[in-house]
C-alpha cells in the first residue's frame, strides 16, 4: 500500500496525538495567565496615559478562537520534526525533548508581554 507507515511511525504519531489536548489546555492556561498578568500590570499606576486602555476586546476574542488552531499547528510541526530527527538519530528520544521544548516555548511566548510590562513598570520607577 502506498503511503503506509511502518509500526514505529504509528506509535510515534500516537505519542504526539495523546498529548495534543493536554498541550492545547496548557496553552490556554498560559494565555489566560499571561492576559491576567498583563492587564494587571497595565492597571498599575503610571502605566497608561489618561484615556488609554490596556487591550482591544476584539483581539482577546480572536486570540481565544485562534489559540487551538495555533496549538494544533505547533503540535503537528513538532510531530513532523521529531519524525525526521528520529530517522537521522534513532537512539535519542526526540518526542519527549521536542514536547518539553514546546511547553517551555509556549509558556515563554504567552508570558512575555506580562514580563516585559512588569519590567517596564519597574524601570519607570527608577
PDB file of N, CA and C in Angstrom:
ATOM      1  N   UNK A   1       0.839  -1.178   0.000  1.00  0.00           N
ATOM      2  CA  UNK A   1       0.000   0.000   0.000  1.00  0.00           C
ATOM      3  C   UNK A   1       0.882   1.239   0.000  1.00  0.00           C
ATOM      4  N   UNK A   2       0.580   2.175  -0.863  1.00  0.00           N
ATOM      5  CA  UNK A   2       1.360   3.398  -0.964  1.00  0.00           C
ATOM      6  C   UNK A   2       1.042   4.300   0.232  1.00  0.00           C
ATOM      7  N   UNK A   3       2.083   4.824   0.859  1.00  0.00           N
ATOM      8  CA  UNK A   3       1.888   5.734   1.984  1.00  0.00           C
ATOM      9  C   UNK A   3       1.662   5.041   3.310  1.00  0.00           C
ATOM     10  N   UNK A   4       1.770   3.715   3.349  1.00  0.00           N
ATOM     11  CA  UNK A   4       1.592   3.015   4.622  1.00  0.00           C
ATOM     12  C   UNK A   4       2.770   3.323   5.532  1.00  0.00           C
ATOM     13  N   UNK A   5       2.483   3.548   6.795  1.00  0.00           N
ATOM     14  CA  UNK A   5       3.522   3.903   7.749  1.00  0.00           C
ATOM     15  C   UNK A   5       4.046   2.648   8.434  1.00  0.00           C
ATOM     16  N   UNK A   6       5.338   2.591   8.708  1.00  0.00           N
ATOM     17  CA  UNK A   6       5.870   1.470   9.483  1.00  0.00           C
ATOM     18  C   UNK A   6       5.352   1.553  10.919  1.00  0.00           C
ATOM     19  N   UNK A   7       5.363   0.444  11.646  1.00  0.00           N
ATOM     20  CA  UNK A   7       4.828   0.434  13.009  1.00  0.00           C
ATOM     21  C   UNK A   7       5.471   1.457  13.939  1.00  0.00           C
ATOM     22  N   UNK A   8       6.772   1.746  13.778  1.00  0.00           N
ATOM     23  CA  UNK A   8       7.427   2.733  14.643  1.00  0.00           C
ATOM     24  C   UNK A   8       6.831   4.125  14.417  1.00  0.00           C
ATOM     25  N   UNK A   9       6.483   4.433  13.175  1.00  0.00           N
ATOM     26  CA  UNK A   9       5.901   5.735  12.867  1.00  0.00           C
ATOM     27  C   UNK A   9       4.490   5.861  13.443  1.00  0.00           C
ATOM     28  N   UNK A  10       3.742   4.765  13.462  1.00  0.00           N
ATOM     29  CA  UNK A  10       2.399   4.794  14.031  1.00  0.00           C
ATOM     30  C   UNK A  10       2.477   5.109  15.514  1.00  0.00           C
ATOM     31  N   UNK A  11       3.371   4.450  16.246  1.00  0.00           N
ATOM     32  CA  UNK A  11       3.487   4.710  17.678  1.00  0.00           C
ATOM     33  C   UNK A  11       4.000   6.125  17.919  1.00  0.00           C
ATOM     34  N   UNK A  12       4.827   6.619  17.015  1.00  0.00           N
ATOM     35  CA  UNK A  12       5.322   7.994  17.107  1.00  0.00           C
ATOM     36  C   UNK A  12       4.158   8.977  16.996  1.00  0.00           C
ATOM     37  N   UNK A  13       3.287   8.776  16.031  1.00  0.00           N
ATOM     38  CA  UNK A  13       2.126   9.650  15.865  1.00  0.00           C
ATOM     39  C   UNK A  13       1.167   9.530  17.043  1.00  0.00           C
ATOM     40  N   UNK A  14       0.957   8.328  17.499  1.00  0.00           N
ATOM     41  CA  UNK A  14       0.063   8.132  18.653  1.00  0.00           C
ATOM     42  C   UNK A  14       0.602   8.846  19.882  1.00  0.00           C
ATOM     43  N   UNK A  15       1.916   8.816  20.069  1.00  0.00           N
ATOM     44  CA  UNK A  15       2.530   9.502  21.209  1.00  0.00           C
ATOM     45  C   UNK A  15       2.182  10.978  21.188  1.00  0.00           C
ATOM     46  N   UNK A  16       2.315  11.613  20.032  1.00  0.00           N
ATOM     47  CA  UNK A  16       2.016  13.044  19.910  1.00  0.00           C
ATOM     48  C   UNK A  16       0.520  13.307  20.014  1.00  0.00           C
ATOM     49  N   UNK A  17      -0.301  12.484  19.406  1.00  0.00           N
ATOM     50  CA  UNK A  17      -1.743  12.715  19.432  1.00  0.00           C
ATOM     51  C   UNK A  17      -2.331  12.547  20.830  1.00  0.00           C
ATOM     52  N   UNK A  18      -1.742  11.675  21.651  1.00  0.00           N
ATOM     53  CA  UNK A  18      -2.217  11.530  23.029  1.00  0.00           C
ATOM     54  C   UNK A  18      -1.955  12.790  23.850  1.00  0.00           C
ATOM     55  N   UNK A  19      -0.988  13.587  23.457  1.00  0.00           N
ATOM     56  CA  UNK A  19      -0.628  14.794  24.201  1.00  0.00           C
ATOM     57  C   UNK A  19      -1.214  16.073  23.592  1.00  0.00           C
ATOM     58  N   UNK A  20      -1.925  15.963  22.502  1.00  0.00           N
ATOM     59  CA  UNK A  20      -2.450  17.132  21.790  1.00  0.00           C
ATOM     60  C   UNK A  20      -3.424  17.949  22.640  1.00  0.00           C
ATOM     61  N   UNK A  21      -4.387  17.310  23.275  1.00  0.00           N
ATOM     62  CA  UNK A  21      -5.385  18.039  24.071  1.00  0.00           C
ATOM     63  C   UNK A  21      -4.730  18.634  25.317  1.00  0.00           C
ATOM     64  N   UNK A  22      -3.847  17.895  25.952  1.00  0.00           N
ATOM     65  CA  UNK A  22      -3.155  18.431  27.132  1.00  0.00           C
ATOM     66  C   UNK A  22      -2.329  19.661  26.767  1.00  0.00           C
ATOM     67  N   UNK A  23      -1.673  19.621  25.613  1.00  0.00           N
ATOM     68  CA  UNK A  23      -0.887  20.774  25.167  1.00  0.00           C
ATOM     69  C   UNK A  23      -1.791  21.972  24.887  1.00  0.00           C
ATOM     70  N   UNK A  24      -2.941  21.744  24.271  1.00  0.00           N
ATOM     71  CA  UNK A  24      -3.869  22.834  23.991  1.00  0.00           C
ATOM     72  C   UNK A  24      -4.354  23.465  25.291  1.00  0.00           C
ATOM     73  N   UNK A  25      -4.679  22.662  26.283  1.00  0.00           N
ATOM     74  CA  UNK A  25      -5.115  23.209  27.576  1.00  0.00           C
ATOM     75  C   UNK A  25      -3.979  23.935  28.277  1.00  0.00           C
ATOM     76  N   UNK A  26      -2.764  23.436  28.140  1.00  0.00           N
ATOM     77  CA  UNK A  26      -1.613  24.135  28.700  1.00  0.00           C
ATOM     78  C   UNK A  26      -1.447  25.497  28.039  1.00  0.00           C
ATOM     79  N   UNK A  27      -1.623  25.544  26.727  1.00  0.00           N
ATOM     80  CA  UNK A  27      -1.523  26.816  26.011  1.00  0.00           C
ATOM     81  C   UNK A  27      -2.621  27.774  26.466  1.00  0.00           C
ATOM     82  N   UNK A  28      -3.845  27.272  26.648  1.00  0.00           N
ATOM     83  CA  UNK A  28      -4.932  28.114  27.172  1.00  0.00           C
ATOM     84  C   UNK A  28      -4.589  28.655  28.557  1.00  0.00           C
ATOM     85  N   UNK A  29      -4.051  27.803  29.417  1.00  0.00           N
ATOM     86  CA  UNK A  29      -3.706  28.242  30.776  1.00  0.00           C
ATOM     87  C   UNK A  29      -2.617  29.307  30.745  1.00  0.00           C
ATOM     88  N   UNK A  30      -1.612  29.111  29.907  1.00  0.00           N
ATOM     89  CA  UNK A  30      -0.549  30.120  29.791  1.00  0.00           C
ATOM     90  C   UNK A  30      -1.087  31.418  29.215  1.00  0.00           C
ATOM     91  N   UNK A  31      -1.976  31.323  28.233  1.00  0.00           N
ATOM     92  CA  UNK A  31      -2.560  32.529  27.639  1.00  0.00           C
ATOM     93  C   UNK A  31      -3.405  33.272  28.663  1.00  0.00           C
ATOM     94  N   UNK A  32      -4.217  32.550  29.427  1.00  0.00           N
ATOM     95  CA  UNK A  32      -5.046  33.192  30.439  1.00  0.00           C
ATOM     96  C   UNK A  32      -4.183  33.856  31.507  1.00  0.00           C
ATOM     97  N   UNK A  33      -3.160  33.149  31.966  1.00  0.00           N
ATOM     98  CA  UNK A  33      -2.259  33.733  32.967  1.00  0.00           C
ATOM     99  C   UNK A  33      -1.539  34.952  32.398  1.00  0.00           C
ATOM    100  N   UNK A  34      -1.106  34.857  31.155  1.00  0.00           N
ATOM    101  CA  UNK A  34      -0.429  35.984  30.519  1.00  0.00           C
ATOM    102  C   UNK A  34      -1.335  37.195  30.372  1.00  0.00           C
ATOM    103  N   UNK A  35      -2.593  36.970  29.948  1.00  0.00           N
ATOM    104  CA  UNK A  35      -3.537  38.080  29.819  1.00  0.00           C
ATOM    105  C   UNK A  35      -3.834  38.713  31.173  1.00  0.00           C
ATOM    106  N   UNK A  36      -4.074  37.893  32.177  1.00  0.00           N
ATOM    107  CA  UNK A  36      -4.393  38.421  33.509  1.00  0.00           C
ATOM    108  C   UNK A  36      -3.214  39.214  34.060  1.00  0.00           C
ATOM    109  N   UNK A  37      -2.018  38.653  33.959  1.00  0.00           N
ATOM    110  CA  UNK A  37      -0.839  39.369  34.450  1.00  0.00           C
ATOM    111  C   UNK A  37      -0.591  40.651  33.660  1.00  0.00           C
ATOM    112  N   UNK A  38      -0.756  40.582  32.341  1.00  0.00           N
ATOM    113  CA  UNK A  38      -0.533  41.755  31.508  1.00  0.00           C
ATOM    114  C   UNK A  38      -1.512  42.873  31.865  1.00  0.00           C
ATOM    115  N   UNK A  39      -2.785  42.542  31.963  1.00  0.00           N
ATOM    116  CA  UNK A  39      -3.756  43.581  32.290  1.00  0.00           C
ATOM    117  C   UNK A  39      -3.602  44.058  33.724  1.00  0.00           C
ATOM    118  N   UNK A  40      -3.169  43.171  34.615  1.00  0.00           N
ATOM    119  CA  UNK A  40      -2.874  43.598  35.981  1.00  0.00           C
ATOM    120  C   UNK A  40      -1.718  44.583  36.028  1.00  0.00           C
ATOM    121  N   UNK A  41      -0.688  44.314  35.262  1.00  0.00           N
ATOM    122  CA  UNK A  41       0.461  45.223  35.209  1.00  0.00           C
ATOM    123  C   UNK A  41       0.059  46.542  34.553  1.00  0.00           C
ATOM    124  N   UNK A  42      -0.741  46.478  33.510  1.00  0.00           N
ATOM    125  CA  UNK A  42      -1.142  47.700  32.820  1.00  0.00           C
ATOM    126  C   UNK A  42      -2.048  48.589  33.687  1.00  0.00           C
ATOM    127  N   UNK A  43      -2.714  47.989  34.661  1.00  0.00           N
ATOM    128  CA  UNK A  43      -3.578  48.768  35.552  1.00  0.00           C
ATOM    129  C   UNK A  43      -2.798  49.417  36.699  1.00  0.00           C
ATOM    130  N   UNK A  44      -1.525  49.107  36.817  1.00  0.00           N
ATOM    131  CA  UNK A  44      -0.722  49.731  37.868  1.00  0.00           C
ATOM    132  C   UNK A  44      -0.577  51.219  37.573  1.00  0.00           C
ATOM    133  N   UNK A  45      -0.422  52.038  38.609  1.00  0.00           N
ATOM    134  CA  UNK A  45      -0.349  53.478  38.404  1.00  0.00           C
ATOM    135  C   UNK A  45       0.824  53.879  37.514  1.00  0.00           C
ATOM    136  N   UNK A  46       0.548  54.746  36.567  1.00  0.00           N
ATOM    137  CA  UNK A  46       1.585  55.284  35.695  1.00  0.00           C
ATOM    138  C   UNK A  46       1.872  54.468  34.458  1.00  0.00           C
ATOM    139  N   UNK A  47       1.200  53.359  34.260  1.00  0.00           N
ATOM    140  CA  UNK A  47       1.488  52.527  33.088  1.00  0.00           C
ATOM    141  C   UNK A  47       0.758  53.022  31.842  1.00  0.00           C
ATOM    142  N   UNK A  48      -0.452  53.545  32.005  1.00  0.00           N
ATOM    143  CA  UNK A  48      -1.223  54.025  30.863  1.00  0.00           C
ATOM    144  C   UNK A  48      -1.477  55.518  31.010  1.00  0.00           C
ATOM    145  N   UNK A  49      -1.497  56.189  29.878  1.00  0.00           N
ATOM    146  CA  UNK A  49      -1.835  57.605  29.883  1.00  0.00           C
ATOM    147  C   UNK A  49      -3.351  57.740  30.044  1.00  0.00           C
ATOM    148  N   UNK A  50      -3.832  58.861  30.528  1.00  0.00           N
ATOM    149  CA  UNK A  50      -5.290  59.035  30.657  1.00  0.00           C
ATOM    150  C   UNK A  50      -5.990  58.857  29.306  1.00  0.00           C
ATOM    151  N   UNK A  51      -7.044  58.084  29.298  1.00  0.00           N
ATOM    152  CA  UNK A  51      -7.801  57.816  28.079  1.00  0.00           C
ATOM    153  C   UNK A  51      -7.362  56.572  27.335  1.00  0.00           C
ATOM    154  N   UNK A  52      -6.221  55.972  27.693  1.00  0.00           N
ATOM    155  CA  UNK A  52      -5.753  54.747  27.044  1.00  0.00           C
ATOM    156  C   UNK A  52      -6.371  53.534  27.719  1.00  0.00           C
ATOM    157  N   UNK A  53      -6.558  52.480  26.937  1.00  0.00           N
ATOM    158  CA  UNK A  53      -6.971  51.216  27.534  1.00  0.00           C
ATOM    159  C   UNK A  53      -5.892  50.172  27.268  1.00  0.00           C
ATOM    160  N   UNK A  54      -5.917  49.097  28.054  1.00  0.00           N
ATOM    161  CA  UNK A  54      -4.830  48.117  28.005  1.00  0.00           C
ATOM    162  C   UNK A  54      -4.934  47.157  26.827  1.00  0.00           C
ATOM    163  N   UNK A  55      -6.100  46.958  26.292  1.00  0.00           N
ATOM    164  CA  UNK A  55      -6.212  45.983  25.214  1.00  0.00           C
ATOM    165  C   UNK A  55      -7.435  46.196  24.372  1.00  0.00           C
ATOM    166  N   UNK A  56      -7.453  45.497  23.283  1.00  0.00           N
ATOM    167  CA  UNK A  56      -8.576  45.537  22.356  1.00  0.00           C
ATOM    168  C   UNK A  56      -9.459  44.329  22.628  1.00  0.00           C
ATOM    169  N   UNK A  57     -10.739  44.544  22.992  1.00  0.00           N
ATOM    170  CA  UNK A  57     -11.608  43.388  23.296  1.00  0.00           C
ATOM    171  C   UNK A  57     -11.747  42.411  22.135  1.00  0.00           C
ATOM    172  N   UNK A  58     -11.770  42.917  20.915  1.00  0.00           N
ATOM    173  CA  UNK A  58     -11.894  42.019  19.763  1.00  0.00           C
ATOM    174  C   UNK A  58     -10.635  41.160  19.614  1.00  0.00           C
ATOM    175  N   UNK A  59      -9.488  41.728  19.955  1.00  0.00           N
ATOM    176  CA  UNK A  59      -8.247  40.963  19.894  1.00  0.00           C
ATOM    177  C   UNK A  59      -8.248  39.791  20.862  1.00  0.00           C
ATOM    178  N   UNK A  60      -8.848  39.991  22.039  1.00  0.00           N
ATOM    179  CA  UNK A  60      -8.942  38.898  23.013  1.00  0.00           C
ATOM    180  C   UNK A  60      -9.829  37.776  22.490  1.00  0.00           C
ATOM    181  N   UNK A  61     -10.945  38.145  21.871  1.00  0.00           N
ATOM    182  CA  UNK A  61     -11.849  37.131  21.325  1.00  0.00           C
ATOM    183  C   UNK A  61     -11.166  36.339  20.209  1.00  0.00           C
ATOM    184  N   UNK A  62     -10.485  37.039  19.331  1.00  0.00           N
ATOM    185  CA  UNK A  62      -9.799  36.376  18.225  1.00  0.00           C
ATOM    186  C   UNK A  62      -8.689  35.470  18.757  1.00  0.00           C
ATOM    187  N   UNK A  63      -7.993  35.930  19.794  1.00  0.00           N
ATOM    188  CA  UNK A  63      -6.899  35.125  20.355  1.00  0.00           C
ATOM    189  C   UNK A  63      -7.420  33.798  20.903  1.00  0.00           C
ATOM    190  N   UNK A  64      -8.536  33.824  21.603  1.00  0.00           N
ATOM    191  CA  UNK A  64      -9.042  32.577  22.175  1.00  0.00           C
ATOM    192  C   UNK A  64      -9.687  31.679  21.135  1.00  0.00           C
ATOM    193  N   UNK A  65     -10.078  32.234  19.995  1.00  0.00           N
ATOM    194  CA  UNK A  65     -10.594  31.401  18.909  1.00  0.00           C
ATOM    195  C   UNK A  65      -9.437  30.780  18.120  1.00  0.00           C
ATOM    196  N   UNK A  66      -8.382  31.560  17.893  1.00  0.00           N
ATOM    197  CA  UNK A  66      -7.258  31.069  17.103  1.00  0.00           C
ATOM    198  C   UNK A  66      -6.278  30.205  17.896  1.00  0.00           C
ATOM    199  N   UNK A  67      -6.333  30.277  19.211  1.00  0.00           N
ATOM    200  CA  UNK A  67      -5.369  29.540  20.028  1.00  0.00           C
ATOM    201  C   UNK A  67      -5.371  28.040  19.756  1.00  0.00           C
ATOM    202  N   UNK A  68      -6.527  27.366  19.670  1.00  0.00           N
ATOM    203  CA  UNK A  68      -6.470  25.922  19.364  1.00  0.00           C
ATOM    204  C   UNK A  68      -5.875  25.632  17.990  1.00  0.00           C
ATOM    205  N   UNK A  69      -6.128  26.497  17.031  1.00  0.00           N
ATOM    206  CA  UNK A  69      -5.572  26.300  15.689  1.00  0.00           C
ATOM    207  C   UNK A  69      -4.051  26.391  15.734  1.00  0.00           C
ATOM    208  N   UNK A  70      -3.551  27.411  16.435  1.00  0.00           N
ATOM    209  CA  UNK A  70      -2.102  27.597  16.548  1.00  0.00           C
ATOM    210  C   UNK A  70      -1.473  26.458  17.344  1.00  0.00           C
ATOM    211  N   UNK A  71      -2.139  26.032  18.426  1.00  0.00           N
ATOM    212  CA  UNK A  71      -1.604  24.937  19.245  1.00  0.00           C
ATOM    213  C   UNK A  71      -1.557  23.636  18.445  1.00  0.00           C
ATOM    214  N   UNK A  72      -2.598  23.355  17.671  1.00  0.00           N
ATOM    215  CA  UNK A  72      -2.595  22.133  16.863  1.00  0.00           C
ATOM    216  C   UNK A  72      -1.547  22.202  15.759  1.00  0.00           C
ATOM    217  N   UNK A  73      -1.335  23.378  15.199  1.00  0.00           N
ATOM    218  CA  UNK A  73      -0.279  23.524  14.196  1.00  0.00           C
ATOM    219  C   UNK A  73       1.092  23.286  14.825  1.00  0.00           C
ATOM    220  N   UNK A  74       1.300  23.815  16.033  1.00  0.00           N
ATOM    221  CA  UNK A  74       2.583  23.623  16.713  1.00  0.00           C
ATOM    222  C   UNK A  74       2.825  22.150  17.032  1.00  0.00           C
ATOM    223  N   UNK A  75       1.809  21.466  17.510  1.00  0.00           N
ATOM    224  CA  UNK A  75       1.940  20.039  17.826  1.00  0.00           C
ATOM    225  C   UNK A  75       2.216  19.248  16.549  1.00  0.00           C
ATOM    226  N   UNK A  76       1.547  19.605  15.455  1.00  0.00           N
ATOM    227  CA  UNK A  76       1.763  18.898  14.186  1.00  0.00           C
ATOM    228  C   UNK A  76       3.174  19.121  13.660  1.00  0.00           C
ATOM    229  N   UNK A  77       3.666  20.340  13.781  1.00  0.00           N
ATOM    230  CA  UNK A  77       5.038  20.623  13.351  1.00  0.00           C
ATOM    231  C   UNK A  77       6.027  19.859  14.222  1.00  0.00           C
ATOM    232  N   UNK A  78       5.794  19.832  15.530  1.00  0.00           N
ATOM    233  CA  UNK A  78       6.663  19.067  16.424  1.00  0.00           C
ATOM    234  C   UNK A  78       6.675  17.592  16.083  1.00  0.00           C
ATOM    235  N   UNK A  79       5.509  17.060  15.720  1.00  0.00           N
ATOM    236  CA  UNK A  79       5.419  15.652  15.359  1.00  0.00           C
ATOM    237  C   UNK A  79       6.226  15.376  14.092  1.00  0.00           C
ATOM    238  N   UNK A  80       6.134  16.262  13.113  1.00  0.00           N
ATOM    239  CA  UNK A  80       6.874  16.070  11.870  1.00  0.00           C
ATOM    240  C   UNK A  80       8.380  16.182  12.090  1.00  0.00           C
ATOM    241  N   UNK A  81       8.789  17.190  12.864  1.00  0.00           N
ATOM    242  CA  UNK A  81      10.222  17.391  13.123  1.00  0.00           C
ATOM    243  C   UNK A  81      10.787  16.212  13.903  1.00  0.00           C
ATOM    244  N   UNK A  82      10.055  15.746  14.914  1.00  0.00           N
ATOM    245  CA  UNK A  82      10.527  14.594  15.698  1.00  0.00           C
ATOM    246  C   UNK A  82      10.627  13.351  14.820  1.00  0.00           C
ATOM    247  N   UNK A  83       9.696  13.190  13.910  1.00  0.00           N
ATOM    248  CA  UNK A  83       9.765  12.040  12.996  1.00  0.00           C
ATOM    249  C   UNK A  83      10.995  12.085  12.110  1.00  0.00           C
ATOM    250  N   UNK A  84      11.309  13.268  11.601  1.00  0.00           N
ATOM    251  CA  UNK A  84      12.506  13.413  10.747  1.00  0.00           C
ATOM    252  C   UNK A  84      13.786  13.210  11.557  1.00  0.00           C
ATOM    253  N   UNK A  85      13.817  13.773  12.766  1.00  0.00           N
ATOM    254  CA  UNK A  85      15.014  13.612  13.595  1.00  0.00           C
ATOM    255  C   UNK A  85      15.201  12.160  14.036  1.00  0.00           C
ATOM    256  N   UNK A  86      14.094  11.458  14.270  1.00  0.00           N
ATOM    257  CA  UNK A  86      14.186  10.054  14.677  1.00  0.00           C
ATOM    258  C   UNK A  86      14.756   9.191  13.557  1.00  0.00           C
ATOM    259  N   UNK A  87      14.524   9.589  12.332  1.00  0.00           N
ATOM    260  CA  UNK A  87      15.106   8.836  11.213  1.00  0.00           C
ATOM    261  C   UNK A  87      16.616   9.030  11.147  1.00  0.00           C
ATOM    262  N   UNK A  88      17.079  10.222  11.503  1.00  0.00           N
ATOM    263  CA  UNK A  88      18.519  10.501  11.452  1.00  0.00           C
ATOM    264  C   UNK A  88      19.265   9.927  12.654  1.00  0.00           C
ATOM    265  N   UNK A  89      18.690  10.124  13.841  1.00  0.00           N
ATOM    266  CA  UNK A  89      19.332   9.632  15.071  1.00  0.00           C
ATOM    267  C   UNK A  89      18.300   8.897  15.919  1.00  0.00           C
ATOM    268  N   UNK A  90      18.059   7.639  15.627  1.00  0.00           N
ATOM    269  CA  UNK A  90      17.001   6.895  16.327  1.00  0.00           C
ATOM    270  C   UNK A  90      17.315   6.601  17.801  1.00  0.00           C
ATOM    271  N   UNK A  91      18.551   6.782  18.222  1.00  0.00           N
ATOM    272  CA  UNK A  91      18.900   6.461  19.617  1.00  0.00           C
ATOM    273  C   UNK A  91      18.395   7.510  20.603  1.00  0.00           C
ATOM    274  N   UNK A  92      18.051   8.708  20.131  1.00  0.00           N
ATOM    275  CA  UNK A  92      17.573   9.785  21.011  1.00  0.00           C
ATOM    276  C   UNK A  92      16.054   9.754  21.107  1.00  0.00           C
ATOM    277  N   UNK A  93      15.533  10.211  22.252  1.00  0.00           N
ATOM    278  CA  UNK A  93      14.094  10.316  22.444  1.00  0.00           C
ATOM    279  C   UNK A  93      13.650  11.725  22.036  1.00  0.00           C
ATOM    280  N   UNK A  94      13.442  11.918  20.754  1.00  0.00           N
ATOM    281  CA  UNK A  94      13.108  13.248  20.235  1.00  0.00           C
ATOM    282  C   UNK A  94      11.710  13.683  20.624  1.00  0.00           C
ATOM    283  N   UNK A  95      10.791  12.743  20.794  1.00  0.00           N
ATOM    284  CA  UNK A  95       9.420  13.110  21.155  1.00  0.00           C
ATOM    285  C   UNK A  95       9.393  13.898  22.455  1.00  0.00           C
ATOM    286  N   UNK A  96       9.961  13.330  23.489  1.00  0.00           N
ATOM    287  CA  UNK A  96       9.925  13.987  24.802  1.00  0.00           C
ATOM    288  C   UNK A  96      10.725  15.288  24.797  1.00  0.00           C
ATOM    289  N   UNK A  97      11.853  15.298  24.122  1.00  0.00           N
ATOM    290  CA  UNK A  97      12.673  16.517  24.074  1.00  0.00           C
ATOM    291  C   UNK A  97      11.940  17.664  23.386  1.00  0.00           C
ATOM    292  N   UNK A  98      11.374  17.388  22.227  1.00  0.00           N
ATOM    293  CA  UNK A  98      10.682  18.447  21.492  1.00  0.00           C
ATOM    294  C   UNK A  98       9.395  18.871  22.187  1.00  0.00           C
ATOM    295  N   UNK A  99       8.708  17.926  22.807  1.00  0.00           N
ATOM    296  CA  UNK A  99       7.480  18.269  23.532  1.00  0.00           C
ATOM    297  C   UNK A  99       7.804  19.188  24.710  1.00  0.00           C
ATOM    298  N   UNK A 100       8.836  18.842  25.440  1.00  0.00           N
ATOM    299  CA  UNK A 100       9.260  19.671  26.573  1.00  0.00           C
ATOM    300  C   UNK A 100       9.700  21.062  26.103  1.00  0.00           C
ATOM    301  N   UNK A 101      10.439  21.110  25.003  1.00  0.00           N
ATOM    302  CA  UNK A 101      10.856  22.405  24.450  1.00  0.00           C
ATOM    303  C   UNK A 101       9.638  23.209  23.998  1.00  0.00           C
ATOM    304  N   UNK A 102       8.646  22.544  23.437  1.00  0.00           N
ATOM    305  CA  UNK A 102       7.422  23.222  23.026  1.00  0.00           C
ATOM    306  C   UNK A 102       6.651  23.787  24.206  1.00  0.00           C
ATOM    307  N   UNK A 103       6.626  23.053  25.313  1.00  0.00           N
ATOM    308  CA  UNK A 103       5.959  23.569  26.521  1.00  0.00           C
ATOM    309  C   UNK A 103       6.664  24.813  27.042  1.00  0.00           C
ATOM    310  N   UNK A 104       7.977  24.767  27.093  1.00  0.00           N
ATOM    311  CA  UNK A 104       8.738  25.944  27.550  1.00  0.00           C
ATOM    312  C   UNK A 104       8.538  27.130  26.611  1.00  0.00           C
ATOM    313  N   UNK A 105       8.581  26.875  25.309  1.00  0.00           N
ATOM    314  CA  UNK A 105       8.407  27.964  24.347  1.00  0.00           C
ATOM    315  C   UNK A 105       7.007  28.560  24.427  1.00  0.00           C
ATOM    316  N   UNK A 106       6.004  27.722  24.595  1.00  0.00           N
ATOM    317  CA  UNK A 106       4.627  28.210  24.720  1.00  0.00           C
ATOM    318  C   UNK A 106       4.478  29.084  25.952  1.00  0.00           C
ATOM    319  N   UNK A 107       4.990  28.612  27.080  1.00  0.00           N
ATOM    320  CA  UNK A 107       4.919  29.418  28.301  1.00  0.00           C
ATOM    321  C   UNK A 107       5.642  30.745  28.142  1.00  0.00           C
ATOM    322  N   UNK A 108       6.800  30.711  27.514  1.00  0.00           N
ATOM    323  CA  UNK A 108       7.571  31.950  27.336  1.00  0.00           C
ATOM    324  C   UNK A 108       6.858  32.935  26.417  1.00  0.00           C
ATOM    325  N   UNK A 109       6.284  32.445  25.331  1.00  0.00           N
ATOM    326  CA  UNK A 109       5.612  33.331  24.380  1.00  0.00           C
ATOM    327  C   UNK A 109       4.393  33.995  25.011  1.00  0.00           C
ATOM    328  N   UNK A 110       3.595  33.236  25.748  1.00  0.00           N
ATOM    329  CA  UNK A 110       2.380  33.803  26.322  1.00  0.00           C
ATOM    330  C   UNK A 110       2.647  34.650  27.557  1.00  0.00           C
ATOM    331  N   UNK A 111       3.746  34.414  28.238  1.00  0.00           N
ATOM    332  CA  UNK A 111       4.052  35.218  29.428  1.00  0.00           C
ATOM    333  C   UNK A 111       4.997  36.376  29.125  1.00  0.00           C
ATOM    334  N   UNK A 112       5.511  36.445  27.902  1.00  0.00           N
ATOM    335  CA  UNK A 112       6.437  37.509  27.534  1.00  0.00           C
ATOM    336  C   UNK A 112       5.828  38.914  27.645  1.00  0.00           C
ATOM    337  N   UNK A 113       4.606  39.174  27.169  1.00  0.00           N
ATOM    338  CA  UNK A 113       4.059  40.527  27.321  1.00  0.00           C
ATOM    339  C   UNK A 113       3.920  40.954  28.781  1.00  0.00           C
ATOM    340  N   UNK A 114       3.486  40.046  29.640  1.00  0.00           N
ATOM    341  CA  UNK A 114       3.356  40.378  31.053  1.00  0.00           C
ATOM    342  C   UNK A 114       4.724  40.637  31.678  1.00  0.00           C
ATOM    343  N   UNK A 115       5.708  39.851  31.300  1.00  0.00           N
ATOM    344  CA  UNK A 115       7.052  40.024  31.841  1.00  0.00           C
ATOM    345  C   UNK A 115       7.666  41.345  31.398  1.00  0.00           C
ATOM    346  N   UNK A 116       7.517  41.680  30.130  1.00  0.00           N
ATOM    347  CA  UNK A 116       8.072  42.954  29.663  1.00  0.00           C
ATOM    348  C   UNK A 116       7.311  44.133  30.248  1.00  0.00           C
ATOM    349  N   UNK A 117       6.000  43.974  30.448  1.00  0.00           N
ATOM    350  CA  UNK A 117       5.227  45.039  31.086  1.00  0.00           C
ATOM    351  C   UNK A 117       5.664  45.264  32.521  1.00  0.00           C
ATOM    352  N   UNK A 118       5.909  44.192  33.243  1.00  0.00           N
ATOM    353  CA  UNK A 118       6.376  44.307  34.623  1.00  0.00           C
ATOM    354  C   UNK A 118       7.771  44.915  34.672  1.00  0.00           C
ATOM    355  N   UNK A 119       8.621  44.539  33.744  1.00  0.00           N
ATOM    356  CA  UNK A 119       9.955  45.129  33.661  1.00  0.00           C
ATOM    357  C   UNK A 119       9.859  46.629  33.367  1.00  0.00           C
ATOM    358  N   UNK A 120       8.963  47.008  32.452  1.00  0.00           N
ATOM    359  CA  UNK A 120       8.775  48.429  32.134  1.00  0.00           C
ATOM    360  C   UNK A 120       8.264  49.197  33.352  1.00  0.00           C
ATOM    361  N   UNK A 121       7.383  48.570  34.122  1.00  0.00           N
ATOM    362  CA  UNK A 121       6.861  49.226  35.321  1.00  0.00           C
ATOM    363  C   UNK A 121       7.990  49.514  36.308  1.00  0.00           C
ATOM    364  N   UNK A 122       8.843  48.524  36.532  1.00  0.00           N
ATOM    365  CA  UNK A 122       9.940  48.730  37.484  1.00  0.00           C
ATOM    366  C   UNK A 122      10.985  49.700  36.943  1.00  0.00           C
ATOM    367  N   UNK A 123      11.230  49.688  35.640  1.00  0.00           N
ATOM    368  CA  UNK A 123      12.190  50.630  35.063  1.00  0.00           C
ATOM    369  C   UNK A 123      11.684  52.072  35.131  1.00  0.00           C
ATOM    370  N   UNK A 124      10.377  52.264  35.050  1.00  0.00           N
ATOM    371  CA  UNK A 124       9.810  53.601  35.179  1.00  0.00           C
ATOM    372  C   UNK A 124       9.940  54.126  36.603  1.00  0.00           C
ATOM    373  N   UNK A 125      10.030  53.236  37.549  1.00  0.00           N
ATOM    374  CA  UNK A 125      10.127  53.623  38.956  1.00  0.00           C
ATOM    375  C   UNK A 125      11.548  54.040  39.342  1.00  0.00           C
ATOM    376  N   UNK A 126      12.530  53.703  38.499  1.00  0.00           N
ATOM    377  CA  UNK A 126      13.932  54.025  38.819  1.00  0.00           C
ATOM    378  C   UNK A 126      14.214  55.493  38.618  1.00  0.00           C
TER     379      UNK A 126
END
